[in-house]
């Protein structure tokens, strides 16, 4: 007798709970996985110690966020894994990096070095993850720090992309409506 896998029927498990792969919660978890993978890709192109340490911490935090969301959607009691100090870390790093960057007066095109370009892609994936998390928050009660964390993370990824260009001597290209 041929064994049929749940995944072949469009079903997955979150802990013991079976969930359709089309559910919002699974989309969120997939978006977080994609974001974490892009950040891993960024780390492959990175040669800067500060950027590397930030991205490694963020990858670990994203696993915690995925765990926290899995607890929520499985019906298990949330473990409150995402803490305010994790948000504070992001905000501190944003300020630290922004101090080293020129002020923006216009939009910039998302490009530059390979690292900066991948960081811009990671930022866009982060924004998509944020939108899906906001949608999920209308269905299940999430830790109050999850959405702010993902929102700050996209800001940090933008700053890191700009910083990667700066330390490589690549000028930003401002967008001008011609």
N, C-alpha and C. Protein backbone atom coordinates (compact mmCIF):
# COMPACT_ATOMS: atom_id res chain seq x y z
N UNK A 1 0.85 -1.18 0.00
CA UNK A 1 0.00 0.00 0.00
C UNK A 1 0.89 1.24 0.00
N UNK A 2 0.58 2.15 -0.88
CA UNK A 2 1.37 3.37 -1.03
C UNK A 2 1.00 4.36 0.08
N UNK A 3 2.04 4.88 0.74
CA UNK A 3 1.81 5.86 1.81
C UNK A 3 1.54 7.24 1.20
N UNK A 4 0.48 7.90 1.65
CA UNK A 4 0.15 9.24 1.18
C UNK A 4 0.61 10.23 2.24
N UNK A 5 1.40 11.18 1.83
CA UNK A 5 1.90 12.21 2.73
C UNK A 5 0.89 13.35 2.84
N UNK A 6 0.77 13.90 4.05
CA UNK A 6 -0.14 15.03 4.25
C UNK A 6 0.19 16.17 3.29
N UNK A 7 1.49 16.42 3.13
CA UNK A 7 1.91 17.52 2.25
C UNK A 7 1.41 17.37 0.83
N UNK A 8 1.28 16.12 0.39
CA UNK A 8 0.76 15.87 -0.96
C UNK A 8 -0.70 16.25 -1.09
N UNK A 9 -1.37 16.39 0.05
CA UNK A 9 -2.78 16.78 0.05
C UNK A 9 -2.96 18.25 0.42
N UNK A 10 -1.84 19.00 0.47
CA UNK A 10 -1.92 20.42 0.80
C UNK A 10 -2.08 20.70 2.28
N UNK A 11 -1.64 19.75 3.09
CA UNK A 11 -1.78 19.89 4.54
C UNK A 11 -0.40 19.83 5.18
N UNK A 12 -0.20 20.59 6.22
CA UNK A 12 1.04 20.54 7.00
C UNK A 12 0.68 20.46 8.47
N UNK A 13 1.66 20.28 9.29
CA UNK A 13 1.46 20.23 10.74
C UNK A 13 2.20 21.39 11.40
N UNK A 14 1.53 21.98 12.35
CA UNK A 14 2.17 22.93 13.26
C UNK A 14 1.95 22.34 14.63
N UNK A 15 3.03 21.82 15.19
CA UNK A 15 2.97 20.94 16.36
C UNK A 15 2.04 19.80 15.98
N UNK A 16 1.01 19.49 16.77
CA UNK A 16 0.14 18.37 16.42
C UNK A 16 -1.02 18.78 15.51
N UNK A 17 -1.23 20.07 15.35
CA UNK A 17 -2.39 20.55 14.60
C UNK A 17 -2.14 20.49 13.09
N UNK A 18 -3.09 19.91 12.37
CA UNK A 18 -3.02 19.87 10.91
C UNK A 18 -3.64 21.15 10.36
N UNK A 19 -2.94 21.76 9.42
CA UNK A 19 -3.37 23.05 8.86
C UNK A 19 -3.20 23.00 7.34
N UNK A 20 -4.18 23.55 6.64
CA UNK A 20 -4.05 23.67 5.18
C UNK A 20 -2.90 24.61 4.85
N UNK A 21 -2.15 24.27 3.83
CA UNK A 21 -1.02 25.10 3.43
C UNK A 21 -1.46 26.46 2.88
N UNK A 22 -2.74 26.59 2.60
CA UNK A 22 -3.26 27.86 2.09
C UNK A 22 -3.65 28.82 3.21
N UNK A 23 -3.57 28.38 4.46
CA UNK A 23 -3.93 29.24 5.60
C UNK A 23 -2.96 30.41 5.73
N UNK A 24 -3.46 31.51 6.25
CA UNK A 24 -2.66 32.72 6.46
C UNK A 24 -1.44 32.44 7.34
N UNK A 25 -1.61 31.61 8.35
CA UNK A 25 -0.50 31.33 9.27
C UNK A 25 0.65 30.64 8.55
N UNK A 26 0.35 29.77 7.61
CA UNK A 26 1.39 29.07 6.86
C UNK A 26 2.06 30.03 5.89
N UNK A 27 1.30 30.96 5.33
CA UNK A 27 1.90 32.00 4.49
C UNK A 27 2.88 32.84 5.30
N UNK A 28 2.50 33.20 6.53
CA UNK A 28 3.39 33.96 7.41
C UNK A 28 4.67 33.19 7.66
N UNK A 29 4.54 31.93 8.03
CA UNK A 29 5.73 31.12 8.32
C UNK A 29 6.61 30.98 7.08
N UNK A 30 6.00 30.84 5.92
CA UNK A 30 6.76 30.79 4.67
C UNK A 30 7.48 32.09 4.36
N UNK A 31 6.80 33.21 4.60
CA UNK A 31 7.42 34.52 4.39
C UNK A 31 8.60 34.73 5.33
N UNK A 32 8.45 34.29 6.58
CA UNK A 32 9.55 34.41 7.54
C UNK A 32 10.72 33.52 7.13
N UNK A 33 10.43 32.33 6.63
CA UNK A 33 11.48 31.43 6.16
C UNK A 33 12.22 32.04 4.97
N UNK A 34 11.46 32.61 4.04
CA UNK A 34 12.07 33.26 2.87
C UNK A 34 12.94 34.43 3.31
N UNK A 35 12.43 35.23 4.23
CA UNK A 35 13.20 36.37 4.75
C UNK A 35 14.49 35.89 5.39
N UNK A 36 14.40 34.86 6.22
CA UNK A 36 15.58 34.34 6.89
C UNK A 36 16.58 33.80 5.87
N UNK A 37 16.09 33.19 4.81
CA UNK A 37 16.96 32.66 3.76
C UNK A 37 17.67 33.80 3.02
N UNK A 38 16.96 34.87 2.73
CA UNK A 38 17.59 36.02 2.07
C UNK A 38 18.64 36.66 2.97
N UNK A 39 18.35 36.71 4.26
CA UNK A 39 19.35 37.26 5.18
C UNK A 39 20.58 36.36 5.21
N UNK A 40 20.37 35.06 5.15
CA UNK A 40 21.50 34.13 5.04
C UNK A 40 22.30 34.37 3.78
N UNK A 41 21.60 34.64 2.67
CA UNK A 41 22.28 34.97 1.42
C UNK A 41 23.09 36.26 1.57
N UNK A 42 22.53 37.24 2.23
CA UNK A 42 23.25 38.49 2.48
C UNK A 42 24.54 38.22 3.26
N UNK A 43 24.45 37.34 4.22
CA UNK A 43 25.64 37.01 5.02
C UNK A 43 26.74 36.40 4.16
N UNK A 44 26.36 35.67 3.11
CA UNK A 44 27.35 35.08 2.22
C UNK A 44 28.16 36.15 1.48
N UNK A 45 27.54 37.27 1.18
CA UNK A 45 28.20 38.34 0.44
C UNK A 45 28.84 39.38 1.36
N UNK A 46 28.65 39.25 2.65
CA UNK A 46 29.12 40.24 3.61
C UNK A 46 30.57 39.97 4.03
N UNK A 47 31.31 41.06 4.20
CA UNK A 47 32.68 40.97 4.73
C UNK A 47 32.87 41.91 5.91
N UNK A 48 31.79 42.55 6.37
CA UNK A 48 31.87 43.52 7.46
C UNK A 48 31.42 42.87 8.76
N UNK A 49 32.24 43.02 9.80
CA UNK A 49 31.97 42.37 11.09
C UNK A 49 30.65 42.86 11.72
N UNK A 50 30.42 44.18 11.70
CA UNK A 50 29.20 44.73 12.30
C UNK A 50 27.96 44.20 11.59
N UNK A 51 27.95 44.26 10.28
CA UNK A 51 26.80 43.77 9.51
C UNK A 51 26.60 42.28 9.79
N UNK A 52 27.68 41.53 9.81
CA UNK A 52 27.59 40.09 10.05
C UNK A 52 26.98 39.75 11.39
N UNK A 53 27.41 40.44 12.43
CA UNK A 53 26.88 40.15 13.77
C UNK A 53 25.40 40.52 13.88
N UNK A 54 25.02 41.62 13.25
CA UNK A 54 23.61 42.04 13.26
C UNK A 54 22.75 41.00 12.53
N UNK A 55 23.18 40.61 11.34
CA UNK A 55 22.38 39.68 10.54
C UNK A 55 22.27 38.31 11.21
N UNK A 56 23.33 37.86 11.87
CA UNK A 56 23.25 36.58 12.57
C UNK A 56 22.22 36.64 13.71
N UNK A 57 22.25 37.73 14.47
CA UNK A 57 21.27 37.87 15.56
C UNK A 57 19.85 37.91 14.99
N UNK A 58 19.66 38.64 13.90
CA UNK A 58 18.34 38.75 13.28
C UNK A 58 17.85 37.37 12.83
N UNK A 59 18.73 36.56 12.26
CA UNK A 59 18.31 35.23 11.83
C UNK A 59 17.82 34.41 13.02
N UNK A 60 18.52 34.50 14.13
CA UNK A 60 18.09 33.78 15.33
C UNK A 60 16.76 34.31 15.84
N UNK A 61 16.58 35.62 15.81
CA UNK A 61 15.31 36.23 16.23
C UNK A 61 14.16 35.77 15.35
N UNK A 62 14.41 35.65 14.04
CA UNK A 62 13.35 35.23 13.12
C UNK A 62 12.89 33.81 13.43
N UNK A 63 13.80 32.94 13.88
CA UNK A 63 13.38 31.61 14.30
C UNK A 63 12.48 31.70 15.53
N UNK A 64 12.79 32.60 16.45
CA UNK A 64 11.94 32.79 17.62
C UNK A 64 10.56 33.29 17.22
N UNK A 65 10.52 34.23 16.27
CA UNK A 65 9.23 34.75 15.80
C UNK A 65 8.41 33.62 15.16
N UNK A 66 9.05 32.80 14.34
CA UNK A 66 8.36 31.66 13.74
C UNK A 66 7.83 30.71 14.79
N UNK A 67 8.63 30.46 15.83
CA UNK A 67 8.18 29.60 16.93
C UNK A 67 6.99 30.21 17.64
N UNK A 68 7.08 31.50 17.92
CA UNK A 68 6.00 32.19 18.62
C UNK A 68 4.70 32.12 17.81
N UNK A 69 4.79 32.34 16.51
CA UNK A 69 3.60 32.29 15.66
C UNK A 69 3.07 30.86 15.60
N UNK A 70 3.96 29.87 15.54
CA UNK A 70 3.53 28.47 15.53
C UNK A 70 2.75 28.13 16.80
N UNK A 71 3.23 28.60 17.95
CA UNK A 71 2.49 28.38 19.19
C UNK A 71 1.09 28.98 19.08
N UNK A 72 1.00 30.21 18.59
CA UNK A 72 -0.30 30.89 18.51
C UNK A 72 -1.29 30.14 17.62
N UNK A 73 -0.83 29.71 16.45
CA UNK A 73 -1.77 29.10 15.50
C UNK A 73 -2.08 27.65 15.85
N UNK A 74 -1.24 27.01 16.66
CA UNK A 74 -1.49 25.62 17.03
C UNK A 74 -2.46 25.51 18.20
N UNK A 75 -2.75 26.67 18.83
CA UNK A 75 -3.63 26.65 19.99
C UNK A 75 -2.88 26.48 21.29
N UNK A 76 -1.56 26.33 21.22
CA UNK A 76 -0.76 26.22 22.44
C UNK A 76 -0.60 27.61 23.04
N UNK A 77 -0.34 27.64 24.31
CA UNK A 77 -0.12 28.93 24.99
C UNK A 77 1.18 29.53 24.48
N UNK A 78 1.12 30.80 24.12
CA UNK A 78 2.30 31.51 23.62
C UNK A 78 3.38 31.55 24.69
N UNK A 79 4.60 31.48 24.25
CA UNK A 79 5.73 31.50 25.18
C UNK A 79 6.29 32.92 25.35
N UNK A 80 5.74 33.90 24.65
CA UNK A 80 6.23 35.29 24.70
C UNK A 80 7.74 35.33 24.49
N UNK A 81 8.16 34.80 23.34
CA UNK A 81 9.58 34.72 23.02
C UNK A 81 10.16 36.04 22.53
N UNK A 82 9.31 36.91 22.00
CA UNK A 82 9.78 38.18 21.43
C UNK A 82 9.63 39.24 22.50
N UNK A 83 10.75 39.75 22.94
CA UNK A 83 10.80 40.69 24.06
C UNK A 83 11.11 42.10 23.58
N UNK A 84 10.80 43.05 24.41
CA UNK A 84 11.04 44.47 24.11
C UNK A 84 12.53 44.74 23.87
N UNK A 85 13.42 44.03 24.56
CA UNK A 85 14.85 44.27 24.37
C UNK A 85 15.30 43.91 22.96
N UNK A 86 14.57 43.02 22.29
CA UNK A 86 14.89 42.68 20.90
C UNK A 86 14.57 43.86 19.99
N UNK A 87 13.47 44.56 20.29
CA UNK A 87 13.14 45.78 19.55
C UNK A 87 14.18 46.87 19.82
N UNK A 88 14.56 46.98 21.08
CA UNK A 88 15.57 47.98 21.45
C UNK A 88 16.88 47.75 20.72
N UNK A 89 17.26 46.49 20.54
CA UNK A 89 18.48 46.17 19.80
C UNK A 89 18.39 46.71 18.38
N UNK A 90 17.26 46.45 17.70
CA UNK A 90 17.09 46.93 16.33
C UNK A 90 17.17 48.45 16.27
N UNK A 91 16.46 49.11 17.18
CA UNK A 91 16.45 50.58 17.19
C UNK A 91 17.85 51.14 17.45
N UNK A 92 18.59 50.51 18.35
CA UNK A 92 19.95 50.95 18.65
C UNK A 92 20.84 50.82 17.41
N UNK A 93 20.73 49.71 16.71
CA UNK A 93 21.56 49.49 15.52
C UNK A 93 21.18 50.44 14.39
N UNK A 94 19.89 50.72 14.25
CA UNK A 94 19.45 51.69 13.24
C UNK A 94 20.10 53.04 13.52
N UNK A 95 20.04 53.50 14.76
CA UNK A 95 20.63 54.79 15.12
C UNK A 95 22.14 54.79 14.90
N UNK A 96 22.79 53.71 15.30
CA UNK A 96 24.24 53.59 15.16
C UNK A 96 24.66 53.69 13.69
N UNK A 97 23.93 53.04 12.83
CA UNK A 97 24.27 53.03 11.41
C UNK A 97 23.88 54.34 10.74
N UNK A 98 22.69 54.87 11.08
CA UNK A 98 22.24 56.14 10.48
C UNK A 98 23.21 57.28 10.75
N UNK A 99 23.86 57.26 11.92
CA UNK A 99 24.83 58.32 12.24
C UNK A 99 25.99 58.34 11.25
N UNK A 100 26.24 57.21 10.61
CA UNK A 100 27.36 57.10 9.68
C UNK A 100 26.95 57.34 8.22
N UNK A 101 25.67 57.62 7.99
CA UNK A 101 25.15 57.77 6.63
C UNK A 101 24.72 59.20 6.36
N UNK A 102 24.81 59.64 5.11
CA UNK A 102 24.29 60.97 4.79
C UNK A 102 22.76 60.98 4.91
N UNK A 103 22.23 62.13 5.26
CA UNK A 103 20.77 62.28 5.35
C UNK A 103 20.16 62.10 3.96
N UNK A 104 18.98 61.51 3.95
CA UNK A 104 18.26 61.35 2.68
C UNK A 104 17.33 62.54 2.47
N UNK A 105 17.34 63.06 1.26
CA UNK A 105 16.38 64.11 0.92
C UNK A 105 15.43 63.64 -0.18
N UNK A 106 15.75 62.50 -0.79
CA UNK A 106 14.93 61.91 -1.84
C UNK A 106 14.93 60.40 -1.69
N UNK A 107 14.05 59.76 -2.43
CA UNK A 107 14.09 58.30 -2.51
C UNK A 107 15.37 57.89 -3.22
N UNK A 108 15.87 56.71 -2.88
CA UNK A 108 17.02 56.18 -3.60
C UNK A 108 16.61 54.90 -4.31
N UNK A 109 17.30 54.61 -5.41
CA UNK A 109 17.04 53.37 -6.12
C UNK A 109 17.67 52.22 -5.34
N UNK A 110 16.97 51.11 -5.19
CA UNK A 110 17.52 49.96 -4.46
C UNK A 110 18.53 49.22 -5.32
N UNK A 111 19.80 49.59 -5.18
CA UNK A 111 20.86 48.95 -5.95
C UNK A 111 22.19 49.18 -5.27
N UNK A 112 23.25 48.94 -5.98
CA UNK A 112 24.60 49.15 -5.46
C UNK A 112 25.39 47.86 -5.52
N UNK A 113 26.09 47.55 -4.44
CA UNK A 113 26.88 46.32 -4.39
C UNK A 113 25.94 45.11 -4.35
N UNK A 114 26.52 43.93 -4.54
CA UNK A 114 25.70 42.71 -4.44
C UNK A 114 25.06 42.63 -3.06
N UNK A 115 25.86 42.89 -2.02
CA UNK A 115 25.33 42.83 -0.66
C UNK A 115 24.19 43.83 -0.47
N UNK A 116 24.41 45.07 -0.88
CA UNK A 116 23.36 46.09 -0.72
C UNK A 116 22.10 45.69 -1.49
N UNK A 117 22.27 45.18 -2.68
CA UNK A 117 21.11 44.78 -3.49
C UNK A 117 20.34 43.65 -2.82
N UNK A 118 21.06 42.65 -2.29
CA UNK A 118 20.38 41.57 -1.59
C UNK A 118 19.71 42.06 -0.30
N UNK A 119 20.33 43.01 0.37
CA UNK A 119 19.70 43.59 1.57
C UNK A 119 18.41 44.32 1.20
N UNK A 120 18.40 44.99 0.05
CA UNK A 120 17.16 45.63 -0.41
C UNK A 120 16.08 44.59 -0.71
N UNK A 121 16.47 43.46 -1.31
CA UNK A 121 15.49 42.39 -1.55
C UNK A 121 14.98 41.85 -0.22
N UNK A 122 15.89 41.65 0.73
CA UNK A 122 15.48 41.17 2.05
C UNK A 122 14.50 42.16 2.69
N UNK A 123 14.75 43.45 2.52
CA UNK A 123 13.83 44.47 3.06
C UNK A 123 12.45 44.33 2.44
N UNK A 124 12.39 44.13 1.12
CA UNK A 124 11.09 43.98 0.45
C UNK A 124 10.37 42.71 0.93
N UNK A 125 11.10 41.62 1.11
CA UNK A 125 10.51 40.38 1.62
C UNK A 125 10.03 40.60 3.06
N UNK A 126 10.80 41.37 3.82
CA UNK A 126 10.41 41.70 5.20
C UNK A 126 9.09 42.46 5.22
N UNK A 127 8.92 43.40 4.30
CA UNK A 127 7.66 44.15 4.22
C UNK A 127 6.50 43.23 3.89
N UNK A 128 6.73 42.25 3.00
CA UNK A 128 5.67 41.29 2.68
C UNK A 128 5.33 40.45 3.91
N UNK A 129 6.37 40.02 4.61
CA UNK A 129 6.14 39.24 5.84
C UNK A 129 5.33 40.07 6.83
N UNK A 130 5.67 41.34 6.94
CA UNK A 130 4.94 42.22 7.86
C UNK A 130 3.47 42.31 7.48
N UNK A 131 3.18 42.48 6.19
CA UNK A 131 1.78 42.56 5.76
C UNK A 131 1.03 41.27 6.10
N UNK A 132 1.68 40.13 5.89
CA UNK A 132 1.00 38.87 6.19
C UNK A 132 0.83 38.68 7.69
N UNK A 133 1.76 39.16 8.49
CA UNK A 133 1.63 39.06 9.95
C UNK A 133 0.49 39.95 10.44
N UNK A 134 0.38 41.15 9.88
CA UNK A 134 -0.72 42.04 10.24
C UNK A 134 -2.06 41.35 9.92
N UNK A 135 -2.13 40.72 8.76
CA UNK A 135 -3.35 40.00 8.38
C UNK A 135 -3.63 38.88 9.38
N UNK A 136 -2.61 38.12 9.75
CA UNK A 136 -2.78 37.03 10.71
C UNK A 136 -3.22 37.56 12.07
N UNK A 137 -2.75 38.73 12.44
CA UNK A 137 -3.09 39.30 13.76
C UNK A 137 -4.58 39.60 13.88
N UNK A 138 -5.29 39.62 12.77
CA UNK A 138 -6.75 39.80 12.80
C UNK A 138 -7.45 38.47 13.09
N UNK A 139 -6.70 37.36 12.96
CA UNK A 139 -7.27 36.02 13.19
C UNK A 139 -6.88 35.43 14.54
N UNK A 140 -5.64 35.69 14.97
CA UNK A 140 -5.14 35.14 16.23
C UNK A 140 -4.43 36.24 17.01
N UNK A 141 -4.42 36.07 18.32
CA UNK A 141 -3.73 37.05 19.17
C UNK A 141 -2.24 36.76 19.15
N UNK A 142 -1.47 37.75 18.68
CA UNK A 142 -0.02 37.62 18.61
C UNK A 142 0.64 38.44 19.71
N UNK A 143 1.82 38.07 20.05
CA UNK A 143 2.66 38.85 20.97
C UNK A 143 2.74 40.27 20.41
N UNK A 144 2.53 41.24 21.28
CA UNK A 144 2.49 42.65 20.85
C UNK A 144 3.81 43.15 20.27
N UNK A 145 4.91 42.43 20.46
CA UNK A 145 6.21 42.85 19.95
C UNK A 145 6.53 42.34 18.55
N UNK A 146 5.74 41.40 18.04
CA UNK A 146 6.06 40.78 16.75
C UNK A 146 5.97 41.78 15.60
N UNK A 147 4.85 42.46 15.47
CA UNK A 147 4.69 43.40 14.34
C UNK A 147 5.70 44.54 14.44
N UNK A 148 5.88 45.18 15.60
CA UNK A 148 6.90 46.23 15.68
C UNK A 148 8.31 45.71 15.35
N UNK A 149 8.62 44.47 15.75
CA UNK A 149 9.95 43.93 15.45
C UNK A 149 10.14 43.85 13.94
N UNK A 150 9.18 43.28 13.24
CA UNK A 150 9.31 43.11 11.79
C UNK A 150 9.34 44.49 11.10
N UNK A 151 8.56 45.42 11.59
CA UNK A 151 8.57 46.77 11.03
C UNK A 151 9.95 47.43 11.19
N UNK A 152 10.53 47.33 12.38
CA UNK A 152 11.86 47.91 12.62
C UNK A 152 12.93 47.18 11.81
N UNK A 153 12.73 45.86 11.66
CA UNK A 153 13.70 45.08 10.91
C UNK A 153 13.80 45.57 9.46
N UNK A 154 12.67 45.90 8.85
CA UNK A 154 12.74 46.39 7.46
C UNK A 154 13.49 47.72 7.41
N UNK A 155 13.31 48.56 8.44
CA UNK A 155 14.07 49.82 8.50
C UNK A 155 15.57 49.53 8.64
N UNK A 156 15.90 48.57 9.49
CA UNK A 156 17.30 48.20 9.69
C UNK A 156 17.91 47.66 8.40
N UNK A 157 17.19 46.81 7.69
CA UNK A 157 17.71 46.26 6.43
C UNK A 157 17.97 47.36 5.41
N UNK A 158 17.11 48.38 5.39
CA UNK A 158 17.32 49.53 4.50
C UNK A 158 18.61 50.26 4.89
N UNK A 159 18.79 50.50 6.19
CA UNK A 159 20.02 51.17 6.67
C UNK A 159 21.25 50.34 6.36
N UNK A 160 21.16 49.04 6.54
CA UNK A 160 22.30 48.17 6.26
C UNK A 160 22.65 48.17 4.78
N UNK A 161 21.64 48.22 3.91
CA UNK A 161 21.90 48.30 2.47
C UNK A 161 22.66 49.59 2.14
N UNK A 162 22.21 50.69 2.70
CA UNK A 162 22.89 51.97 2.48
C UNK A 162 24.32 51.92 3.04
N UNK A 163 24.47 51.34 4.22
CA UNK A 163 25.78 51.24 4.86
C UNK A 163 26.72 50.36 4.03
N UNK A 164 26.20 49.25 3.50
CA UNK A 164 27.02 48.36 2.67
C UNK A 164 27.55 49.11 1.45
N UNK A 165 26.72 49.95 0.85
CA UNK A 165 27.18 50.75 -0.28
C UNK A 165 28.24 51.75 0.16
N UNK A 166 27.99 52.40 1.30
CA UNK A 166 28.93 53.42 1.78
C UNK A 166 30.31 52.83 2.04
N UNK A 167 30.37 51.72 2.76
CA UNK A 167 31.68 51.16 3.11
C UNK A 167 32.39 50.59 1.88
N UNK A 168 31.65 50.36 0.80
CA UNK A 168 32.27 49.89 -0.45
C UNK A 168 32.55 51.03 -1.41
N UNK A 169 32.20 52.26 -1.00
CA UNK A 169 32.45 53.42 -1.86
C UNK A 169 31.50 53.56 -3.03
N UNK A 170 30.33 52.95 -2.93
CA UNK A 170 29.33 53.02 -4.00
C UNK A 170 28.34 54.12 -3.67
N UNK A 171 28.17 55.05 -4.60
CA UNK A 171 27.22 56.16 -4.38
C UNK A 171 25.79 55.70 -4.60
N UNK A 172 24.91 56.26 -3.79
CA UNK A 172 23.48 56.00 -3.94
C UNK A 172 22.96 56.82 -5.12
N UNK A 173 21.99 56.25 -5.80
CA UNK A 173 21.37 56.96 -6.93
C UNK A 173 20.00 57.44 -6.47
N UNK A 174 19.85 58.75 -6.42
CA UNK A 174 18.56 59.32 -6.02
C UNK A 174 17.57 59.20 -7.17
N UNK A 175 16.33 58.94 -6.80
CA UNK A 175 15.26 58.90 -7.80
C UNK A 175 14.78 60.32 -8.03
N UNK A 176 14.74 60.69 -9.29
CA UNK A 176 14.23 62.02 -9.66
C UNK A 176 13.16 61.82 -10.71
N UNK A 177 12.02 62.41 -10.49
CA UNK A 177 10.93 62.35 -11.46
C UNK A 177 11.26 63.31 -12.59
N UNK A 178 11.57 62.73 -13.72
CA UNK A 178 12.04 63.57 -14.85
C UNK A 178 10.93 63.90 -15.80
